[in-house]
Amino acid sequence: PSTSNTELAVKAGLKIGEEDRMMQPEDVAELILSIL
């Protein structure tokens, strides 16, 4: 995944944009579930 809007990304100093424009952890989880 690219940068996700998570606390880890914030602590790493990565730029986090507006929630509706940034990838959310749920998006990554949805991809993984579809693969499974």
PDB file of all heavy atoms in Angstrom:
ATOM      1  N   PRO A   1       0.825  -1.213   0.000  1.00  0.00           N
ATOM      2  CA  PRO A   1       0.000   0.000   0.000  1.00  0.00           C
ATOM      3  C   PRO A   1       0.859   1.262   0.000  1.00  0.00           C
ATOM      4  O   PRO A   1       1.989   1.258   0.479  1.00  0.00           O
ATOM      5  CB  PRO A   1      -0.776  -0.111   1.315  1.00  0.00           C
ATOM      6  CG  PRO A   1       0.147  -0.871   2.215  1.00  0.00           C
ATOM      7  CD  PRO A   1       0.912  -1.823   1.318  1.00  0.00           C
ATOM      8  N   SER A   2       0.283   2.332  -0.541  1.00  0.00           N
ATOM      9  CA  SER A   2       0.928   3.633  -0.381  1.00  0.00           C
ATOM     10  C   SER A   2       0.572   4.141   1.024  1.00  0.00           C
ATOM     11  O   SER A   2       0.005   3.412   1.834  1.00  0.00           O
ATOM     12  CB  SER A   2       0.475   4.612  -1.474  1.00  0.00           C
ATOM     13  OG  SER A   2      -0.906   4.877  -1.392  1.00  0.00           O
ATOM     14  N   THR A   3       0.863   5.383   1.306  1.00  0.00           N
ATOM     15  CA  THR A   3       0.624   5.922   2.644  1.00  0.00           C
ATOM     16  C   THR A   3      -0.848   5.841   3.013  1.00  0.00           C
ATOM     17  O   THR A   3      -1.716   6.281   2.258  1.00  0.00           O
ATOM     18  CB  THR A   3       1.087   7.385   2.716  1.00  0.00           C
ATOM     19  OG1 THR A   3       2.461   7.443   2.370  1.00  0.00           O
ATOM     20  CG2 THR A   3       0.896   7.953   4.110  1.00  0.00           C
ATOM     21  N   SER A   4      -1.097   5.259   4.171  1.00  0.00           N
ATOM     22  CA  SER A   4      -2.453   5.167   4.708  1.00  0.00           C
ATOM     23  C   SER A   4      -2.599   6.148   5.859  1.00  0.00           C
ATOM     24  O   SER A   4      -1.631   6.458   6.553  1.00  0.00           O
ATOM     25  CB  SER A   4      -2.733   3.756   5.224  1.00  0.00           C
ATOM     26  OG  SER A   4      -2.648   2.830   4.185  1.00  0.00           O
ATOM     27  N   ASN A   5      -3.798   6.610   6.064  1.00  0.00           N
ATOM     28  CA  ASN A   5      -4.080   7.570   7.123  1.00  0.00           C
ATOM     29  C   ASN A   5      -4.104   6.834   8.462  1.00  0.00           C
ATOM     30  O   ASN A   5      -5.152   6.421   8.939  1.00  0.00           O
ATOM     31  CB  ASN A   5      -5.415   8.259   6.846  1.00  0.00           C
ATOM     32  CG  ASN A   5      -5.640   9.447   7.741  1.00  0.00           C
ATOM     33  OD1 ASN A   5      -4.851   9.734   8.623  1.00  0.00           O
ATOM     34  ND2 ASN A   5      -6.731  10.149   7.506  1.00  0.00           N
ATOM     35  N   THR A   6      -2.930   6.654   9.057  1.00  0.00           N
ATOM     36  CA  THR A   6      -2.805   5.939  10.326  1.00  0.00           C
ATOM     37  C   THR A   6      -1.932   6.737  11.292  1.00  0.00           C
ATOM     38  O   THR A   6      -1.202   7.645  10.894  1.00  0.00           O
ATOM     39  CB  THR A   6      -2.145   4.555  10.133  1.00  0.00           C
ATOM     40  OG1 THR A   6      -0.815   4.757   9.645  1.00  0.00           O
ATOM     41  CG2 THR A   6      -2.939   3.687   9.172  1.00  0.00           C
ATOM     42  N   GLU A   7      -1.997   6.370  12.551  1.00  0.00           N
ATOM     43  CA  GLU A   7      -1.169   7.008  13.569  1.00  0.00           C
ATOM     44  C   GLU A   7       0.316   6.774  13.269  1.00  0.00           C
ATOM     45  O   GLU A   7       1.159   7.652  13.487  1.00  0.00           O
ATOM     46  CB  GLU A   7      -1.526   6.443  14.943  1.00  0.00           C
ATOM     47  CG  GLU A   7      -0.841   7.151  16.084  1.00  0.00           C
ATOM     48  CD  GLU A   7      -1.277   6.611  17.445  1.00  0.00           C
ATOM     49  OE1 GLU A   7      -2.466   6.294  17.602  1.00  0.00           O
ATOM     50  OE2 GLU A   7      -0.408   6.532  18.326  1.00  0.00           O
ATOM     51  N   LEU A   8       0.650   5.610  12.756  1.00  0.00           N
ATOM     52  CA  LEU A   8       2.039   5.298  12.404  1.00  0.00           C
ATOM     53  C   LEU A   8       2.559   6.268  11.346  1.00  0.00           C
ATOM     54  O   LEU A   8       3.688   6.761  11.454  1.00  0.00           O
ATOM     55  CB  LEU A   8       2.150   3.859  11.900  1.00  0.00           C
ATOM     56  CG  LEU A   8       3.534   3.397  11.464  1.00  0.00           C
ATOM     57  CD1 LEU A   8       4.516   3.406  12.628  1.00  0.00           C
ATOM     58  CD2 LEU A   8       3.449   2.010  10.850  1.00  0.00           C
ATOM     59  N   ALA A   9       1.747   6.558  10.344  1.00  0.00           N
ATOM     60  CA  ALA A   9       2.164   7.498   9.301  1.00  0.00           C
ATOM     61  C   ALA A   9       2.378   8.895   9.882  1.00  0.00           C
ATOM     62  O   ALA A   9       3.347   9.580   9.532  1.00  0.00           O
ATOM     63  CB  ALA A   9       1.125   7.531   8.185  1.00  0.00           C
ATOM     64  N   VAL A  10       1.498   9.306  10.768  1.00  0.00           N
ATOM     65  CA  VAL A  10       1.635  10.627  11.397  1.00  0.00           C
ATOM     66  C   VAL A  10       2.922  10.687  12.209  1.00  0.00           C
ATOM     67  O   VAL A  10       3.693  11.641  12.114  1.00  0.00           O
ATOM     68  CB  VAL A  10       0.401  10.938  12.277  1.00  0.00           C
ATOM     69  CG1 VAL A  10       0.630  12.210  13.087  1.00  0.00           C
ATOM     70  CG2 VAL A  10      -0.850  11.058  11.426  1.00  0.00           C
ATOM     71  N   LYS A  11       3.182   9.655  13.011  1.00  0.00           N
ATOM     72  CA  LYS A  11       4.402   9.631  13.836  1.00  0.00           C
ATOM     73  C   LYS A  11       5.663   9.603  12.983  1.00  0.00           C
ATOM     74  O   LYS A  11       6.706  10.084  13.406  1.00  0.00           O
ATOM     75  CB  LYS A  11       4.375   8.423  14.769  1.00  0.00           C
ATOM     76  CG  LYS A  11       3.410   8.581  15.919  1.00  0.00           C
ATOM     77  CD  LYS A  11       3.458   7.385  16.852  1.00  0.00           C
ATOM     78  CE  LYS A  11       2.511   7.568  18.018  1.00  0.00           C
ATOM     79  NZ  LYS A  11       2.532   6.427  18.940  1.00  0.00           N
ATOM     80  N   ALA A  12       5.562   9.032  11.782  1.00  0.00           N
ATOM     81  CA  ALA A  12       6.708   8.987  10.881  1.00  0.00           C
ATOM     82  C   ALA A  12       6.910  10.314  10.151  1.00  0.00           C
ATOM     83  O   ALA A  12       7.866  10.474   9.395  1.00  0.00           O
ATOM     84  CB  ALA A  12       6.536   7.852   9.870  1.00  0.00           C
ATOM     85  N   GLY A  13       6.002  11.254  10.363  1.00  0.00           N
ATOM     86  CA  GLY A  13       6.128  12.566   9.740  1.00  0.00           C
ATOM     87  C   GLY A  13       5.642  12.607   8.305  1.00  0.00           C
ATOM     88  O   GLY A  13       5.950  13.541   7.568  1.00  0.00           O
ATOM     89  N   LEU A  14       4.866  11.599   7.898  1.00  0.00           N
ATOM     90  CA  LEU A  14       4.339  11.589   6.537  1.00  0.00           C
ATOM     91  C   LEU A  14       3.145  12.523   6.436  1.00  0.00           C
ATOM     92  O   LEU A  14       2.380  12.683   7.378  1.00  0.00           O
ATOM     93  CB  LEU A  14       3.933  10.170   6.143  1.00  0.00           C
ATOM     94  CG  LEU A  14       5.063   9.146   6.159  1.00  0.00           C
ATOM     95  CD1 LEU A  14       4.520   7.756   5.891  1.00  0.00           C
ATOM     96  CD2 LEU A  14       6.131   9.500   5.145  1.00  0.00           C
ATOM     97  N   LYS A  15       2.985  13.133   5.272  1.00  0.00           N
ATOM     98  CA  LYS A  15       1.884  14.064   5.061  1.00  0.00           C
ATOM     99  C   LYS A  15       0.575  13.281   4.972  1.00  0.00           C
ATOM    100  O   LYS A  15       0.429  12.378   4.157  1.00  0.00           O
ATOM    101  CB  LYS A  15       2.097  14.866   3.783  1.00  0.00           C
ATOM    102  CG  LYS A  15       1.033  15.895   3.545  1.00  0.00           C
ATOM    103  CD  LYS A  15       1.304  16.681   2.288  1.00  0.00           C
ATOM    104  CE  LYS A  15       0.165  17.663   2.066  1.00  0.00           C
ATOM    105  NZ  LYS A  15       0.285  18.341   0.791  1.00  0.00           N
ATOM    106  N   ILE A  16      -0.363  13.642   5.821  1.00  0.00           N
ATOM    107  CA  ILE A  16      -1.679  13.022   5.823  1.00  0.00           C
ATOM    108  C   ILE A  16      -2.696  14.088   5.434  1.00  0.00           C
ATOM    109  O   ILE A  16      -2.798  15.125   6.081  1.00  0.00           O
ATOM    110  CB  ILE A  16      -2.030  12.444   7.221  1.00  0.00           C
ATOM    111  CG1 ILE A  16      -1.017  11.385   7.626  1.00  0.00           C
ATOM    112  CG2 ILE A  16      -3.436  11.883   7.238  1.00  0.00           C
ATOM    113  CD1 ILE A  16      -0.974  10.165   6.729  1.00  0.00           C
ATOM    114  N   GLY A  17      -3.445  13.818   4.371  1.00  0.00           N
ATOM    115  CA  GLY A  17      -4.425  14.785   3.890  1.00  0.00           C
ATOM    116  C   GLY A  17      -5.794  14.543   4.493  1.00  0.00           C
ATOM    117  O   GLY A  17      -5.947  13.837   5.490  1.00  0.00           O
ATOM    118  N   GLU A  18      -6.791  15.119   3.862  1.00  0.00           N
ATOM    119  CA  GLU A  18      -8.172  14.974   4.317  1.00  0.00           C
ATOM    120  C   GLU A  18      -8.591  13.515   4.246  1.00  0.00           C
ATOM    121  O   GLU A  18      -8.208  12.790   3.326  1.00  0.00           O
ATOM    122  CB  GLU A  18      -9.097  15.819   3.447  1.00  0.00           C
ATOM    123  CG  GLU A  18      -8.837  17.305   3.536  1.00  0.00           C
ATOM    124  CD  GLU A  18      -9.702  18.090   2.574  1.00  0.00           C
ATOM    125  OE1 GLU A  18     -10.792  17.604   2.225  1.00  0.00           O
ATOM    126  OE2 GLU A  18      -9.271  19.165   2.166  1.00  0.00           O
ATOM    127  N   GLU A  19      -9.404  13.083   5.207  1.00  0.00           N
ATOM    128  CA  GLU A  19      -9.780  11.667   5.314  1.00  0.00           C
ATOM    129  C   GLU A  19     -10.437  11.147   4.046  1.00  0.00           C
ATOM    130  O   GLU A  19     -10.175  10.024   3.624  1.00  0.00           O
ATOM    131  CB  GLU A  19     -10.718  11.478   6.503  1.00  0.00           C
ATOM    132  CG  GLU A  19     -11.039  10.021   6.757  1.00  0.00           C
ATOM    133  CD  GLU A  19     -11.798   9.804   8.040  1.00  0.00           C
ATOM    134  OE1 GLU A  19     -11.489  10.482   9.036  1.00  0.00           O
ATOM    135  OE2 GLU A  19     -12.691   8.962   8.024  1.00  0.00           O
ATOM    136  N   ASP A  20     -11.275  11.957   3.395  1.00  0.00           N
ATOM    137  CA  ASP A  20     -11.973  11.477   2.203  1.00  0.00           C
ATOM    138  C   ASP A  20     -11.067  11.409   0.974  1.00  0.00           C
ATOM    139  O   ASP A  20     -11.465  10.890  -0.062  1.00  0.00           O
ATOM    140  CB  ASP A  20     -13.208  12.327   1.913  1.00  0.00           C
ATOM    141  CG  ASP A  20     -12.881  13.778   1.594  1.00  0.00           C
ATOM    142  OD1 ASP A  20     -11.817  14.258   2.006  1.00  0.00           O
ATOM    143  OD2 ASP A  20     -13.712  14.420   0.931  1.00  0.00           O
ATOM    144  N   ARG A  21      -9.828  11.890   1.081  1.00  0.00           N
ATOM    145  CA  ARG A  21      -8.896  11.850  -0.052  1.00  0.00           C
ATOM    146  C   ARG A  21      -7.709  10.924   0.182  1.00  0.00           C
ATOM    147  O   ARG A  21      -6.971  10.631  -0.749  1.00  0.00           O
ATOM    148  CB  ARG A  21      -8.392  13.258  -0.348  1.00  0.00           C
ATOM    149  CG  ARG A  21      -9.507  14.164  -0.846  1.00  0.00           C
ATOM    150  CD  ARG A  21      -8.955  15.472  -1.254  1.00  0.00           C
ATOM    151  NE  ARG A  21      -7.955  15.295  -2.292  1.00  0.00           N
ATOM    152  CZ  ARG A  21      -7.814  16.095  -3.321  1.00  0.00           C
ATOM    153  NH1 ARG A  21      -8.616  17.111  -3.472  1.00  0.00           N
ATOM    154  NH2 ARG A  21      -6.868  15.897  -4.205  1.00  0.00           N
ATOM    155  N   MET A  22      -7.511  10.493   1.436  1.00  0.00           N
ATOM    156  CA  MET A  22      -6.371   9.632   1.752  1.00  0.00           C
ATOM    157  C   MET A  22      -6.831   8.186   1.947  1.00  0.00           C
ATOM    158  O   MET A  22      -7.942   7.946   2.406  1.00  0.00           O
ATOM    159  CB  MET A  22      -5.682  10.093   3.040  1.00  0.00           C
ATOM    160  CG  MET A  22      -4.870  11.362   2.890  1.00  0.00           C
ATOM    161  SD  MET A  22      -3.514  11.218   1.723  1.00  0.00           S
ATOM    162  CE  MET A  22      -2.496   9.984   2.485  1.00  0.00           C
ATOM    163  N   MET A  23      -5.952   7.256   1.631  1.00  0.00           N
ATOM    164  CA  MET A  23      -6.260   5.857   1.847  1.00  0.00           C
ATOM    165  C   MET A  23      -6.438   5.597   3.340  1.00  0.00           C
ATOM    166  O   MET A  23      -5.675   6.096   4.164  1.00  0.00           O
ATOM    167  CB  MET A  23      -5.146   4.959   1.301  1.00  0.00           C
ATOM    168  CG  MET A  23      -5.488   3.497   1.427  1.00  0.00           C
ATOM    169  SD  MET A  23      -4.319   2.326   0.727  1.00  0.00           S
ATOM    170  CE  MET A  23      -3.052   3.260   0.023  1.00  0.00           C
ATOM    171  N   GLN A  24      -7.435   4.808   3.655  1.00  0.00           N
ATOM    172  CA  GLN A  24      -7.733   4.454   5.033  1.00  0.00           C
ATOM    173  C   GLN A  24      -7.340   2.992   5.270  1.00  0.00           C
ATOM    174  O   GLN A  24      -7.300   2.194   4.331  1.00  0.00           O
ATOM    175  CB  GLN A  24      -9.227   4.645   5.318  1.00  0.00           C
ATOM    176  CG  GLN A  24      -9.718   6.067   5.089  1.00  0.00           C
ATOM    177  CD  GLN A  24      -9.003   7.069   5.964  1.00  0.00           C
ATOM    178  OE1 GLN A  24      -8.907   6.897   7.178  1.00  0.00           O
ATOM    179  NE2 GLN A  24      -8.481   8.125   5.359  1.00  0.00           N
ATOM    180  N   PRO A  25      -7.054   2.630   6.513  1.00  0.00           N
ATOM    181  CA  PRO A  25      -6.712   1.230   6.802  1.00  0.00           C
ATOM    182  C   PRO A  25      -7.792   0.264   6.323  1.00  0.00           C
ATOM    183  O   PRO A  25      -7.491  -0.844   5.873  1.00  0.00           O
ATOM    184  CB  PRO A  25      -6.591   1.206   8.330  1.00  0.00           C
ATOM    185  CG  PRO A  25      -6.301   2.611   8.726  1.00  0.00           C
ATOM    186  CD  PRO A  25      -6.983   3.471   7.712  1.00  0.00           C
ATOM    187  N   GLU A  26      -9.050   0.687   6.363  1.00  0.00           N
ATOM    188  CA  GLU A  26     -10.147  -0.163   5.907  1.00  0.00           C
ATOM    189  C   GLU A  26     -10.041  -0.495   4.420  1.00  0.00           C
ATOM    190  O   GLU A  26     -10.480  -1.556   3.978  1.00  0.00           O
ATOM    191  CB  GLU A  26     -11.495   0.517   6.182  1.00  0.00           C
ATOM    192  CG  GLU A  26     -11.790   0.719   7.652  1.00  0.00           C
ATOM    193  CD  GLU A  26     -11.139   1.977   8.252  1.00  0.00           C
ATOM    194  OE1 GLU A  26     -10.594   2.812   7.497  1.00  0.00           O
ATOM    195  OE2 GLU A  26     -11.156   2.094   9.483  1.00  0.00           O
ATOM    196  N   ASP A  27      -9.460   0.418   3.636  1.00  0.00           N
ATOM    197  CA  ASP A  27      -9.273   0.172   2.203  1.00  0.00           C
ATOM    198  C   ASP A  27      -8.306  -0.981   1.979  1.00  0.00           C
ATOM    199  O   ASP A  27      -8.523  -1.846   1.127  1.00  0.00           O
ATOM    200  CB  ASP A  27      -8.762   1.433   1.506  1.00  0.00           C
ATOM    201  CG  ASP A  27      -9.692   2.623   1.674  1.00  0.00           C
ATOM    202  OD1 ASP A  27     -10.921   2.424   1.746  1.00  0.00           O
ATOM    203  OD2 ASP A  27      -9.173   3.756   1.741  1.00  0.00           O
ATOM    204  N   VAL A  28      -7.224  -0.983   2.756  1.00  0.00           N
ATOM    205  CA  VAL A  28      -6.233  -2.062   2.657  1.00  0.00           C
ATOM    206  C   VAL A  28      -6.855  -3.381   3.119  1.00  0.00           C
ATOM    207  O   VAL A  28      -6.685  -4.418   2.477  1.00  0.00           O
ATOM    208  CB  VAL A  28      -4.964  -1.728   3.473  1.00  0.00           C
ATOM    209  CG1 VAL A  28      -3.947  -2.856   3.389  1.00  0.00           C
ATOM    210  CG2 VAL A  28      -4.356  -0.409   3.014  1.00  0.00           C
ATOM    211  N   ALA A  29      -7.617  -3.326   4.198  1.00  0.00           N
ATOM    212  CA  ALA A  29      -8.277  -4.530   4.707  1.00  0.00           C
ATOM    213  C   ALA A  29      -9.246  -5.093   3.677  1.00  0.00           C
ATOM    214  O   ALA A  29      -9.331  -6.316   3.494  1.00  0.00           O
ATOM    215  CB  ALA A  29      -9.009  -4.211   6.009  1.00  0.00           C
ATOM    216  N   GLU A  30      -9.961  -4.237   2.973  1.00  0.00           N
ATOM    217  CA  GLU A  30     -10.910  -4.695   1.949  1.00  0.00           C
ATOM    218  C   GLU A  30     -10.179  -5.428   0.822  1.00  0.00           C
ATOM    219  O   GLU A  30     -10.641  -6.457   0.325  1.00  0.00           O
ATOM    220  CB  GLU A  30     -11.698  -3.514   1.404  1.00  0.00           C
ATOM    221  CG  GLU A  30     -12.846  -3.921   0.520  1.00  0.00           C
ATOM    222  CD  GLU A  30     -13.755  -2.751   0.180  1.00  0.00           C
ATOM    223  OE1 GLU A  30     -13.868  -1.803   0.961  1.00  0.00           O
ATOM    224  OE2 GLU A  30     -14.353  -2.823  -0.911  1.00  0.00           O
ATOM    225  N   LEU A  31      -9.024  -4.902   0.418  1.00  0.00           N
ATOM    226  CA  LEU A  31      -8.222  -5.575  -0.605  1.00  0.00           C
ATOM    227  C   LEU A  31      -7.794  -6.958  -0.124  1.00  0.00           C
ATOM    228  O   LEU A  31      -7.929  -7.958  -0.850  1.00  0.00           O
ATOM    229  CB  LEU A  31      -6.986  -4.740  -0.952  1.00  0.00           C
ATOM    230  CG  LEU A  31      -5.956  -5.428  -1.852  1.00  0.00           C
ATOM    231  CD1 LEU A  31      -6.549  -5.749  -3.224  1.00  0.00           C
ATOM    232  CD2 LEU A  31      -4.701  -4.598  -1.960  1.00  0.00           C
ATOM    233  N   ILE A  32      -7.301  -7.036   1.093  1.00  0.00           N
ATOM    234  CA  ILE A  32      -6.832  -8.317   1.633  1.00  0.00           C
ATOM    235  C   ILE A  32      -7.973  -9.315   1.724  1.00  0.00           C
ATOM    236  O   ILE A  32      -7.817 -10.489   1.349  1.00  0.00           O
ATOM    237  CB  ILE A  32      -6.149  -8.108   3.000  1.00  0.00           C
ATOM    238  CG1 ILE A  32      -4.852  -7.312   2.805  1.00  0.00           C
ATOM    239  CG2 ILE A  32      -5.878  -9.437   3.693  1.00  0.00           C
ATOM    240  CD1 ILE A  32      -4.229  -6.801   4.078  1.00  0.00           C
ATOM    241  N   LEU A  33      -9.134  -8.864   2.177  1.00  0.00           N
ATOM    242  CA  LEU A  33     -10.287  -9.767   2.252  1.00  0.00           C
ATOM    243  C   LEU A  33     -10.693 -10.285   0.886  1.00  0.00           C
ATOM    244  O   LEU A  33     -11.036 -11.462   0.731  1.00  0.00           O
ATOM    245  CB  LEU A  33     -11.470  -9.068   2.924  1.00  0.00           C
ATOM    246  CG  LEU A  33     -11.353  -8.894   4.425  1.00  0.00           C
ATOM    247  CD1 LEU A  33     -12.505  -8.041   4.949  1.00  0.00           C
ATOM    248  CD2 LEU A  33     -11.336 -10.243   5.124  1.00  0.00           C
ATOM    249  N   SER A  34     -10.643  -9.424  -0.127  1.00  0.00           N
ATOM    250  CA  SER A  34     -11.010  -9.872  -1.471  1.00  0.00           C
ATOM    251  C   SER A  34     -10.020 -10.911  -1.996  1.00  0.00           C
ATOM    252  O   SER A  34     -10.410 -11.857  -2.679  1.00  0.00           O
ATOM    253  CB  SER A  34     -11.127  -8.693  -2.430  1.00  0.00           C
ATOM    254  OG  SER A  34      -9.876  -8.096  -2.664  1.00  0.00           O
ATOM    255  N   ILE A  35      -8.749 -10.769  -1.649  1.00  0.00           N
ATOM    256  CA  ILE A  35      -7.741 -11.758  -2.048  1.00  0.00           C
ATOM    257  C   ILE A  35      -8.001 -13.083  -1.340  1.00  0.00           C
ATOM    258  O   ILE A  35      -7.932 -14.154  -1.944  1.00  0.00           O
ATOM    259  CB  ILE A  35      -6.322 -11.240  -1.742  1.00  0.00           C
ATOM    260  CG1 ILE A  35      -5.976 -10.064  -2.664  1.00  0.00           C
ATOM    261  CG2 ILE A  35      -5.286 -12.353  -1.874  1.00  0.00           C
ATOM    262  CD1 ILE A  35      -4.716  -9.320  -2.278  1.00  0.00           C
ATOM    263  N   LEU A  36      -8.339 -13.019  -0.055  1.00  0.00           N
ATOM    264  CA  LEU A  36      -8.593 -14.239   0.719  1.00  0.00           C
ATOM    265  C   LEU A  36      -9.838 -14.981   0.242  1.00  0.00           C
ATOM    266  O   LEU A  36      -9.938 -16.199   0.423  1.00  0.00           O
ATOM    267  CB  LEU A  36      -8.728 -13.904   2.205  1.00  0.00           C
ATOM    268  CG  LEU A  36      -7.446 -13.459   2.902  1.00  0.00           C
ATOM    269  CD1 LEU A  36      -7.759 -12.953   4.296  1.00  0.00           C
ATOM    270  CD2 LEU A  36      -6.436 -14.587   2.938  1.00  0.00           C
TER     271      LEU A  36
END
